[in-house]
N, C-alpha and C. Protein backbone atom coordinates (compact mmCIF):
# COMPACT_ATOMS: atom_id res chain seq x y z
N MET A 1 0.84 -1.13 -0.01
CA MET A 1 0.01 0.05 0.07
C MET A 1 0.75 1.23 -0.05
N SER A 2 1.81 1.42 0.77
CA SER A 2 2.73 2.55 0.81
C SER A 2 3.50 2.69 -0.48
N THR A 3 3.70 1.74 -1.04
CA THR A 3 4.62 1.85 -2.56
C THR A 3 3.53 2.38 -3.46
N ALA A 4 2.27 1.87 -3.49
CA ALA A 4 1.32 2.83 -4.40
C ALA A 4 1.04 4.06 -4.10
N LEU A 5 0.93 4.54 -2.91
CA LEU A 5 0.86 5.76 -2.31
C LEU A 5 1.98 6.60 -2.89
N GLU A 6 3.16 6.20 -2.54
CA GLU A 6 4.26 6.96 -2.87
C GLU A 6 4.61 7.18 -4.32
N GLN A 7 3.89 6.17 -5.25
CA GLN A 7 4.18 6.28 -6.60
C GLN A 7 3.11 7.41 -7.10
N LEU A 8 1.86 7.33 -6.29
CA LEU A 8 0.93 8.29 -6.73
C LEU A 8 1.39 9.74 -6.36
N VAL A 9 1.97 9.83 -5.22
CA VAL A 9 2.40 11.21 -4.78
C VAL A 9 3.47 11.65 -5.71
N ARG A 10 4.39 10.96 -6.06
CA ARG A 10 5.59 11.08 -6.78
C ARG A 10 5.22 11.70 -8.16
N GLY A 11 3.90 11.24 -8.82
CA GLY A 11 3.49 11.68 -10.15
C GLY A 11 2.68 12.94 -9.99
N LEU A 12 2.40 13.52 -8.91
CA LEU A 12 1.59 14.55 -8.79
C LEU A 12 2.47 15.69 -9.05
N PRO A 13 1.84 16.96 -9.69
CA PRO A 13 2.51 18.14 -9.74
C PRO A 13 2.43 18.81 -8.42
N LEU A 14 3.53 19.80 -8.35
CA LEU A 14 3.51 20.62 -7.25
C LEU A 14 2.47 21.63 -7.25
N LEU A 15 1.99 21.94 -6.15
CA LEU A 15 0.72 22.92 -6.12
C LEU A 15 1.25 24.30 -6.10
N ASN A 16 0.66 25.44 -6.42
CA ASN A 16 1.09 26.66 -6.57
C ASN A 16 1.51 27.22 -5.21
N ILE A 17 2.29 28.43 -5.44
CA ILE A 17 3.05 28.97 -4.15
C ILE A 17 1.99 30.21 -3.77
N GLU A 18 1.80 30.35 -2.40
CA GLU A 18 1.01 31.30 -1.90
C GLU A 18 1.85 31.84 -0.84
N THR A 19 1.88 33.37 -0.87
CA THR A 19 2.59 33.90 0.49
C THR A 19 1.50 34.30 1.31
N LEU A 20 1.90 33.90 2.43
CA LEU A 20 0.57 33.93 3.65
C LEU A 20 1.28 34.52 4.84
N PRO A 21 0.46 35.48 5.48
CA PRO A 21 0.95 35.70 6.92
C PRO A 21 1.14 34.66 7.87
N LEU A 22 2.19 34.89 8.60
CA LEU A 22 2.39 33.84 9.61
C LEU A 22 1.26 33.26 10.21
N SER A 23 0.34 34.09 10.67
CA SER A 23 -0.76 33.27 11.47
C SER A 23 -1.42 32.13 10.55
N ASP A 24 -1.43 32.35 9.29
CA ASP A 24 -2.27 31.53 8.33
C ASP A 24 -1.31 30.47 7.63
N ALA A 25 -0.07 30.48 8.03
CA ALA A 25 0.87 29.52 7.28
C ALA A 25 0.78 28.05 8.20
N TYR A 26 0.23 28.18 9.05
CA TYR A 26 0.39 26.92 10.23
C TYR A 26 -0.07 25.54 9.53
N GLY A 27 0.78 24.41 9.31
CA GLY A 27 0.13 23.25 8.70
C GLY A 27 0.57 23.43 7.30
N ARG A 28 0.80 24.42 6.69
CA ARG A 28 1.08 24.49 5.12
C ARG A 28 2.64 24.06 5.09
N PHE A 29 2.84 23.62 3.80
CA PHE A 29 4.29 23.20 3.54
C PHE A 29 4.98 24.25 2.77
N LEU A 30 6.33 24.61 3.35
CA LEU A 30 6.99 25.67 2.99
C LEU A 30 7.40 25.43 1.27
N ALA A 31 7.37 26.44 0.44
CA ALA A 31 7.66 26.32 -0.87
C ALA A 31 9.15 26.65 -1.19
N GLU A 32 9.73 27.37 -0.22
CA GLU A 32 11.09 28.02 -0.34
C GLU A 32 11.78 27.77 0.91
N ASP A 33 13.24 27.79 0.81
CA ASP A 33 14.03 27.82 2.03
C ASP A 33 13.70 29.12 2.81
N VAL A 34 13.63 29.26 4.19
CA VAL A 34 13.48 30.58 4.98
C VAL A 34 14.89 30.72 5.84
N ARG A 35 15.58 31.81 5.43
CA ARG A 35 16.78 32.16 5.99
C ARG A 35 16.75 33.49 6.75
N CYS A 36 17.62 33.22 7.81
CA CYS A 36 17.64 34.55 8.85
C CYS A 36 18.26 35.78 8.07
N THR A 37 17.82 36.91 8.29
CA THR A 37 18.39 38.11 7.77
C THR A 37 18.97 38.95 8.78
N PHE A 38 19.06 38.82 9.99
CA PHE A 38 19.84 39.41 11.11
C PHE A 38 20.05 38.49 12.00
N ALA A 39 21.05 38.84 12.96
CA ALA A 39 21.63 38.24 14.07
C ALA A 39 20.46 37.93 15.20
N LEU A 40 20.23 36.59 15.56
CA LEU A 40 19.35 36.36 16.78
C LEU A 40 20.16 35.73 18.10
N PRO A 41 20.15 36.44 19.08
CA PRO A 41 19.68 37.77 19.38
C PRO A 41 20.23 38.55 18.62
N GLY A 42 19.88 40.01 18.67
CA GLY A 42 20.63 40.97 17.89
C GLY A 42 21.73 41.56 18.59
N CYS A 43 21.71 41.51 20.00
CA CYS A 43 22.82 42.04 20.70
C CYS A 43 23.15 41.10 21.88
N ASP A 44 24.16 41.27 22.49
CA ASP A 44 24.42 40.52 23.88
C ASP A 44 23.14 40.90 24.87
N ASN A 45 22.72 39.73 25.18
CA ASN A 45 21.43 40.20 26.47
C ASN A 45 21.66 39.24 27.56
N SER A 46 20.95 39.60 28.57
CA SER A 46 20.81 38.82 29.69
C SER A 46 20.07 37.50 29.69
N ALA A 47 20.46 36.73 30.23
CA ALA A 47 19.72 35.16 30.30
C ALA A 47 18.94 35.25 31.57
N MET A 48 19.00 36.20 32.41
CA MET A 48 18.28 36.05 33.59
C MET A 48 18.20 37.43 34.32
N ASP A 49 17.16 37.55 35.34
CA ASP A 49 17.27 38.82 36.06
C ASP A 49 18.63 38.92 36.99
N GLY A 50 18.98 39.93 37.14
CA GLY A 50 20.20 40.18 38.13
C GLY A 50 20.88 41.28 37.87
N TYR A 51 22.35 41.27 38.10
CA TYR A 51 23.16 42.47 37.69
C TYR A 51 24.21 42.17 36.93
N THR A 52 24.52 43.19 35.91
CA THR A 52 25.75 43.17 35.30
C THR A 52 27.00 43.73 36.17
N VAL A 53 28.07 42.85 35.86
CA VAL A 53 29.46 43.27 36.56
C VAL A 53 30.56 43.19 35.51
N ARG A 54 31.65 43.75 36.01
CA ARG A 54 32.93 43.53 35.29
C ARG A 54 33.52 42.58 36.33
N THR A 55 33.92 41.48 35.79
CA THR A 55 34.67 40.38 36.67
C THR A 55 35.80 40.73 37.34
N VAL A 56 36.46 41.77 36.84
CA VAL A 56 37.62 42.27 37.60
C VAL A 56 37.31 43.11 38.66
N ASP A 57 36.03 43.35 38.81
CA ASP A 57 35.40 44.15 40.16
C ASP A 57 34.85 43.29 41.19
N CYS A 58 34.85 42.05 40.78
CA CYS A 58 34.28 41.11 41.92
C CYS A 58 35.50 40.27 42.43
N ALA A 59 35.74 40.35 43.86
CA ALA A 59 36.77 39.35 44.30
C ALA A 59 36.01 37.99 44.46
N ILE A 60 36.93 36.98 44.30
CA ILE A 60 36.53 35.50 44.44
C ILE A 60 35.70 35.35 45.52
N GLY A 61 34.36 35.20 45.11
CA GLY A 61 33.49 34.59 46.14
C GLY A 61 32.67 35.70 46.87
N ALA A 62 33.13 36.89 46.87
CA ALA A 62 32.38 38.08 47.57
C ALA A 62 32.85 39.47 46.97
N ALA A 63 31.78 40.21 46.92
CA ALA A 63 31.84 41.69 46.59
C ALA A 63 30.84 42.48 46.90
N THR A 64 30.85 43.76 47.08
CA THR A 64 29.97 44.79 47.18
C THR A 64 29.99 45.85 46.25
N LEU A 65 29.09 46.19 45.53
CA LEU A 65 29.27 47.07 44.47
C LEU A 65 27.83 48.10 44.52
N PRO A 66 28.09 49.37 44.34
CA PRO A 66 26.96 50.33 44.22
C PRO A 66 26.30 49.87 42.85
N ILE A 67 24.90 50.24 42.98
CA ILE A 67 24.05 50.15 41.84
C ILE A 67 24.09 51.45 41.09
N ALA A 68 24.38 51.38 39.97
CA ALA A 68 24.67 52.69 39.18
C ALA A 68 23.65 52.78 38.20
N ALA A 69 22.92 51.78 37.68
CA ALA A 69 21.91 51.86 36.47
C ALA A 69 20.94 50.65 36.36
N GLU A 70 20.10 50.79 35.54
CA GLU A 70 19.07 49.62 35.43
C GLU A 70 18.91 49.44 33.94
N ALA A 71 18.90 48.11 33.46
CA ALA A 71 18.77 47.96 32.09
C ALA A 71 17.47 46.95 31.83
N ARG A 72 16.47 47.31 31.02
CA ARG A 72 15.43 46.57 30.88
C ARG A 72 15.10 46.05 29.33
N ALA A 73 14.58 45.12 28.96
CA ALA A 73 14.43 44.60 27.58
C ALA A 73 13.79 45.80 26.87
N GLY A 74 14.26 46.15 25.61
CA GLY A 74 13.99 47.00 24.67
C GLY A 74 14.79 48.20 25.00
N ASP A 75 15.41 48.34 26.09
CA ASP A 75 16.30 49.64 26.33
C ASP A 75 17.38 49.63 25.43
N PRO A 76 17.72 50.86 24.98
CA PRO A 76 19.16 50.87 24.13
C PRO A 76 20.38 50.34 24.99
N VAL A 77 21.35 49.86 24.45
CA VAL A 77 22.42 49.24 25.09
C VAL A 77 23.11 50.58 25.70
N GLY A 78 23.54 50.45 26.91
CA GLY A 78 24.12 51.47 27.88
C GLY A 78 25.60 51.18 27.97
N GLN A 79 26.19 51.99 28.83
CA GLN A 79 27.55 51.96 29.23
C GLN A 79 27.49 51.41 30.69
N HIS A 80 28.39 50.47 31.10
CA HIS A 80 28.65 50.04 32.41
C HIS A 80 29.83 50.73 33.21
N ALA A 81 29.60 51.44 34.12
CA ALA A 81 30.56 51.97 34.78
C ALA A 81 31.51 51.14 35.76
N ALA A 82 32.80 51.25 35.60
CA ALA A 82 33.72 50.33 36.26
C ALA A 82 33.40 50.48 37.77
N GLY A 83 33.61 49.43 38.55
CA GLY A 83 33.34 49.34 40.01
C GLY A 83 31.88 49.53 40.58
N THR A 84 30.85 49.19 39.49
CA THR A 84 29.71 49.40 39.75
C THR A 84 28.88 47.96 39.39
N ALA A 85 27.36 48.04 39.61
CA ALA A 85 26.80 47.00 39.12
C ALA A 85 25.44 47.70 38.29
N THR A 86 24.86 46.97 37.22
CA THR A 86 23.80 47.51 36.74
C THR A 86 22.66 46.31 36.86
N ARG A 87 21.64 46.98 37.42
CA ARG A 87 20.42 45.83 37.68
C ARG A 87 19.91 45.48 36.33
N ILE A 88 19.68 44.22 35.90
CA ILE A 88 19.23 43.94 34.51
C ILE A 88 18.18 42.94 34.51
N MET A 89 17.31 43.07 33.39
CA MET A 89 16.07 42.15 33.51
C MET A 89 16.51 41.10 32.19
N THR A 90 15.98 40.00 32.52
CA THR A 90 15.85 39.10 31.35
C THR A 90 15.69 39.39 30.06
N GLY A 91 16.71 39.45 29.02
CA GLY A 91 16.43 39.75 27.67
C GLY A 91 16.84 41.29 27.63
N ALA A 92 17.33 42.10 28.54
CA ALA A 92 17.94 43.42 28.29
C ALA A 92 19.34 43.31 27.75
N PRO A 93 19.40 44.36 26.92
CA PRO A 93 20.92 44.29 26.40
C PRO A 93 21.93 44.47 27.55
N VAL A 94 22.90 43.84 27.43
CA VAL A 94 24.16 43.85 28.42
C VAL A 94 24.95 45.17 28.26
N PRO A 95 24.98 46.03 29.21
CA PRO A 95 25.74 47.21 28.90
C PRO A 95 27.26 47.19 28.44
N GLN A 96 27.57 48.03 27.61
CA GLN A 96 29.11 47.67 27.17
C GLN A 96 30.00 48.01 28.39
N GLY A 97 31.10 47.29 28.40
CA GLY A 97 32.06 47.18 29.65
C GLY A 97 31.69 46.18 30.55
N ALA A 98 30.58 45.69 30.57
CA ALA A 98 30.14 44.65 31.33
C ALA A 98 30.42 43.22 30.86
N ASP A 99 30.88 42.23 31.65
CA ASP A 99 31.31 40.94 31.04
C ASP A 99 30.74 39.96 31.63
N ALA A 100 29.56 39.92 32.71
CA ALA A 100 29.03 38.95 33.33
C ALA A 100 27.62 39.50 33.74
N VAL A 101 26.77 38.25 34.05
CA VAL A 101 25.51 38.63 34.64
C VAL A 101 25.36 37.78 35.96
N VAL A 102 25.28 38.35 37.12
CA VAL A 102 24.97 37.55 38.27
C VAL A 102 23.63 37.58 38.54
N ARG A 103 23.04 36.24 38.65
CA ARG A 103 21.63 35.87 39.05
C ARG A 103 21.15 36.50 40.34
N LEU A 104 19.98 37.15 40.35
CA LEU A 104 19.26 37.79 41.18
C LEU A 104 19.20 37.04 42.46
N GLU A 105 19.07 35.65 42.23
CA GLU A 105 19.03 34.68 43.67
C GLU A 105 20.48 34.83 44.38
N ASP A 106 21.47 35.08 43.57
CA ASP A 106 22.87 34.98 44.19
C ASP A 106 23.27 36.15 44.68
N THR A 107 22.56 37.17 44.94
CA THR A 107 22.73 38.67 45.51
C THR A 107 21.94 39.05 46.76
N ILE A 108 22.37 39.87 47.48
CA ILE A 108 21.45 40.60 48.46
C ILE A 108 21.59 42.02 48.38
N GLU A 109 20.53 42.73 47.89
CA GLU A 109 20.56 44.22 47.57
C GLU A 109 20.23 44.95 48.78
N HIS A 110 20.73 46.14 49.22
CA HIS A 110 20.56 47.01 50.46
C HIS A 110 21.18 48.32 50.17
N ASN A 111 20.37 49.24 50.34
CA ASN A 111 20.76 50.69 50.46
C ASN A 111 21.51 51.10 49.09
N GLY A 112 21.07 50.63 48.10
CA GLY A 112 21.48 50.98 46.87
C GLY A 112 22.98 50.38 46.59
N ARG A 113 23.14 49.37 47.21
CA ARG A 113 24.32 48.50 46.89
C ARG A 113 23.97 47.19 46.79
N VAL A 114 24.88 46.41 46.14
CA VAL A 114 24.30 44.82 46.16
C VAL A 114 25.69 43.94 46.65
N ASP A 115 25.37 42.82 47.18
CA ASP A 115 26.41 41.96 47.59
C ASP A 115 26.34 40.75 46.84
N PHE A 116 27.51 40.20 46.46
CA PHE A 116 27.78 39.17 45.67
C PHE A 116 28.47 37.90 46.55
N HIS A 117 28.02 36.78 46.61
CA HIS A 117 28.53 35.85 47.48
C HIS A 117 28.81 34.49 46.66
N VAL A 118 29.14 34.72 45.36
CA VAL A 118 29.46 33.73 44.29
C VAL A 118 30.59 33.85 43.47
N ASP A 119 31.25 32.81 43.03
CA ASP A 119 32.30 33.20 42.12
C ASP A 119 31.64 33.91 40.64
N VAL A 120 32.17 34.72 40.03
CA VAL A 120 31.71 35.38 38.82
C VAL A 120 32.66 35.04 37.67
N GLU A 121 32.35 34.43 36.60
CA GLU A 121 33.31 34.06 35.27
C GLU A 121 32.73 35.02 34.25
N PRO A 122 33.71 35.30 33.43
CA PRO A 122 33.46 36.14 32.31
C PRO A 122 32.42 35.42 31.50
N GLY A 123 31.44 36.20 30.76
CA GLY A 123 30.26 35.34 30.05
C GLY A 123 29.10 34.70 30.47
N GLN A 124 29.33 34.96 32.06
CA GLN A 124 28.48 34.15 32.88
C GLN A 124 26.85 34.62 32.68
N ASN A 125 25.92 34.10 32.24
CA ASN A 125 24.45 34.26 31.86
C ASN A 125 24.21 35.41 30.88
N ILE A 126 25.15 35.31 29.87
CA ILE A 126 25.03 36.32 28.82
C ILE A 126 24.65 35.44 27.53
N ARG A 127 23.39 35.72 26.76
CA ARG A 127 23.31 35.20 25.50
C ARG A 127 24.01 36.18 24.53
N ARG A 128 24.93 35.78 23.81
CA ARG A 128 25.68 36.30 22.87
C ARG A 128 24.98 36.76 21.55
N ALA A 129 25.00 38.01 21.03
CA ALA A 129 24.51 38.11 19.47
C ALA A 129 24.97 37.07 18.59
N GLY A 130 23.89 36.78 17.95
CA GLY A 130 23.83 35.81 16.75
C GLY A 130 24.00 34.18 17.48
N GLU A 131 23.88 33.97 18.55
CA GLU A 131 24.11 32.75 19.36
C GLU A 131 22.94 31.72 18.84
N ASP A 132 21.78 32.31 18.51
CA ASP A 132 20.72 31.48 18.01
C ASP A 132 20.85 31.15 16.55
N ALA A 133 20.98 32.44 15.84
CA ALA A 133 21.02 32.31 14.25
C ALA A 133 21.88 33.47 13.98
N ARG A 134 22.57 33.36 12.65
CA ARG A 134 23.25 34.45 11.99
C ARG A 134 22.79 34.92 10.72
N PRO A 135 22.94 35.99 10.35
CA PRO A 135 22.34 36.20 8.85
C PRO A 135 22.94 35.30 7.83
N GLY A 136 21.84 34.84 7.11
CA GLY A 136 21.96 33.66 5.92
C GLY A 136 21.81 32.29 6.60
N ASP A 137 21.81 32.14 7.94
CA ASP A 137 21.54 30.81 8.34
C ASP A 137 20.05 30.29 7.80
N LEU A 138 20.15 29.01 7.54
CA LEU A 138 18.70 28.47 7.31
C LEU A 138 17.77 28.27 8.55
N LEU A 139 16.79 28.87 8.64
CA LEU A 139 15.80 28.70 9.80
C LEU A 139 15.13 27.51 9.24
N LEU A 140 14.27 27.27 8.18
CA LEU A 140 13.40 26.39 7.93
C LEU A 140 13.72 25.92 6.24
N ALA A 141 13.54 24.55 6.19
CA ALA A 141 13.96 24.14 4.81
C ALA A 141 12.60 23.98 3.97
N VAL A 142 12.83 24.09 2.58
CA VAL A 142 11.64 23.92 1.72
C VAL A 142 10.93 22.38 1.79
N GLY A 143 9.79 22.33 1.94
CA GLY A 143 9.05 20.94 2.04
C GLY A 143 8.73 20.61 3.39
N ARG A 144 9.07 21.45 4.27
CA ARG A 144 8.71 21.26 5.59
C ARG A 144 7.38 21.81 6.00
N PRO A 145 6.44 20.91 6.68
CA PRO A 145 5.20 21.73 7.29
C PRO A 145 5.58 22.79 8.28
N VAL A 146 4.83 23.77 8.16
CA VAL A 146 5.05 24.90 9.26
C VAL A 146 4.27 24.43 10.80
N ARG A 147 4.98 24.52 11.55
CA ARG A 147 4.53 24.20 13.00
C ARG A 147 4.58 25.34 13.71
N SER A 148 3.93 25.29 14.83
CA SER A 148 3.74 26.56 15.82
C SER A 148 5.19 27.11 16.31
N VAL A 149 5.98 26.28 16.52
CA VAL A 149 7.35 26.80 16.93
C VAL A 149 8.19 27.46 15.74
N ASP A 150 7.91 26.98 14.52
CA ASP A 150 8.54 27.70 13.35
C ASP A 150 7.92 29.09 13.17
N ILE A 151 6.63 29.27 13.49
CA ILE A 151 5.95 30.51 13.35
C ILE A 151 6.58 31.39 14.28
N GLY A 152 6.90 30.98 15.66
CA GLY A 152 7.65 31.76 16.51
C GLY A 152 9.07 32.18 16.12
N ALA A 153 9.68 31.20 15.49
CA ALA A 153 11.02 31.58 15.07
C ALA A 153 11.15 32.55 13.94
N CYS A 154 10.10 32.31 13.09
CA CYS A 154 10.06 33.30 11.97
C CYS A 154 9.73 34.70 12.41
N ALA A 155 8.81 34.82 13.33
CA ALA A 155 8.55 36.03 14.02
C ALA A 155 9.72 36.87 14.55
N ALA A 156 10.50 35.81 15.27
CA ALA A 156 11.83 36.62 16.12
C ALA A 156 12.50 37.06 14.95
N ALA A 157 12.71 36.39 13.79
CA ALA A 157 13.52 36.68 12.59
C ALA A 157 12.93 38.05 11.92
N GLY A 158 11.77 38.31 12.17
CA GLY A 158 11.28 39.65 11.61
C GLY A 158 10.46 39.28 10.49
N LEU A 159 10.11 38.08 10.37
CA LEU A 159 9.21 37.78 8.94
C LEU A 159 7.89 37.91 9.41
N SER A 160 7.13 38.39 8.45
CA SER A 160 5.70 38.47 8.45
C SER A 160 4.83 37.60 7.63
N PHE A 161 5.72 37.09 6.58
CA PHE A 161 4.81 36.25 5.65
C PHE A 161 5.77 35.11 5.29
N LEU A 162 5.08 33.95 4.85
CA LEU A 162 5.94 32.61 4.31
C LEU A 162 5.55 32.21 3.03
N PRO A 163 6.25 31.87 2.24
CA PRO A 163 5.84 31.18 0.88
C PRO A 163 5.59 29.86 1.14
N VAL A 164 4.29 29.42 0.92
CA VAL A 164 3.81 27.97 1.21
C VAL A 164 2.96 27.61 -0.16
N ARG A 165 2.85 26.02 -0.25
CA ARG A 165 2.13 25.60 -1.15
C ARG A 165 0.70 25.64 -0.92
N ARG A 166 -0.17 25.78 -1.91
CA ARG A 166 -1.50 26.18 -1.77
C ARG A 166 -1.98 24.52 -1.27
N ARG A 167 -3.17 24.64 -0.39
CA ARG A 167 -3.62 23.50 -0.14
C ARG A 167 -4.37 22.66 -1.34
N PRO A 168 -4.39 21.31 -1.31
CA PRO A 168 -4.85 20.55 -2.34
C PRO A 168 -6.48 20.49 -1.92
N ARG A 169 -7.06 20.48 -3.07
CA ARG A 169 -8.50 20.16 -3.03
C ARG A 169 -8.92 18.68 -3.50
N VAL A 170 -9.70 18.08 -2.81
CA VAL A 170 -9.83 16.48 -3.18
C VAL A 170 -11.22 16.54 -3.45
N ALA A 171 -11.56 15.76 -4.31
CA ALA A 171 -13.00 15.15 -4.33
C ALA A 171 -13.04 13.83 -4.49
N VAL A 172 -14.01 13.07 -3.89
CA VAL A 172 -14.02 11.65 -4.04
C VAL A 172 -15.41 11.27 -4.70
N LEU A 173 -15.38 10.71 -5.95
CA LEU A 173 -16.61 10.36 -6.68
C LEU A 173 -16.62 8.72 -6.39
N ALA A 174 -17.61 8.30 -5.78
CA ALA A 174 -17.73 6.81 -5.46
C ALA A 174 -18.92 6.33 -6.21
N GLY A 175 -18.90 5.15 -6.58
CA GLY A 175 -20.13 4.48 -7.38
C GLY A 175 -19.84 3.03 -7.40
N GLY A 176 -20.97 2.28 -7.37
CA GLY A 176 -20.72 0.95 -7.63
C GLY A 176 -20.98 0.03 -6.38
N ASP A 177 -21.34 -1.03 -6.45
CA ASP A 177 -21.56 -1.75 -5.21
C ASP A 177 -20.47 -2.52 -4.70
N GLU A 178 -19.38 -2.30 -5.27
CA GLU A 178 -17.98 -2.92 -4.84
C GLU A 178 -17.36 -2.17 -3.70
N LEU A 179 -17.72 -1.05 -3.41
CA LEU A 179 -17.36 -0.02 -2.56
C LEU A 179 -17.88 -0.35 -1.11
N ARG A 180 -17.15 -0.22 -0.14
CA ARG A 180 -17.60 -0.35 1.40
C ARG A 180 -17.31 0.56 2.10
């Protein structure tokens, strides 16, 4: 049975291409490869809520730094002042000059200062620009059925529409007493 179905499908012509909004592309088959047009994420950002620091400002296992600024998702990239901490939210751009994010759970804030009682390593809790995808990377391959996770990836990559194959229209004509 599967051999007969494969031969039947192989003989069918490809359906026309439609360009649909992401919300309408679910379940359709991609008609073209989908490539990333810019780096994802677009800048170094925080993987969690906490504080950005320069590791040279943190003694091994303990440090107390004044909180000089705050960074939220969607804010422009700021500058990190030496000898300070910047309060940062998940997804916010890491200020230039900072090289680590210390988790909120590993700190104690008091009177405009923050205590760190953990070792801090360069790059800790930072998602690097382009870590998920770089310009030109293949996001989705032609012929793939579009799933909900694919729609999310395309939206993150700035895409609003996808080239997909038109849905087939099928009609069944039945006749005769040999059908059950």
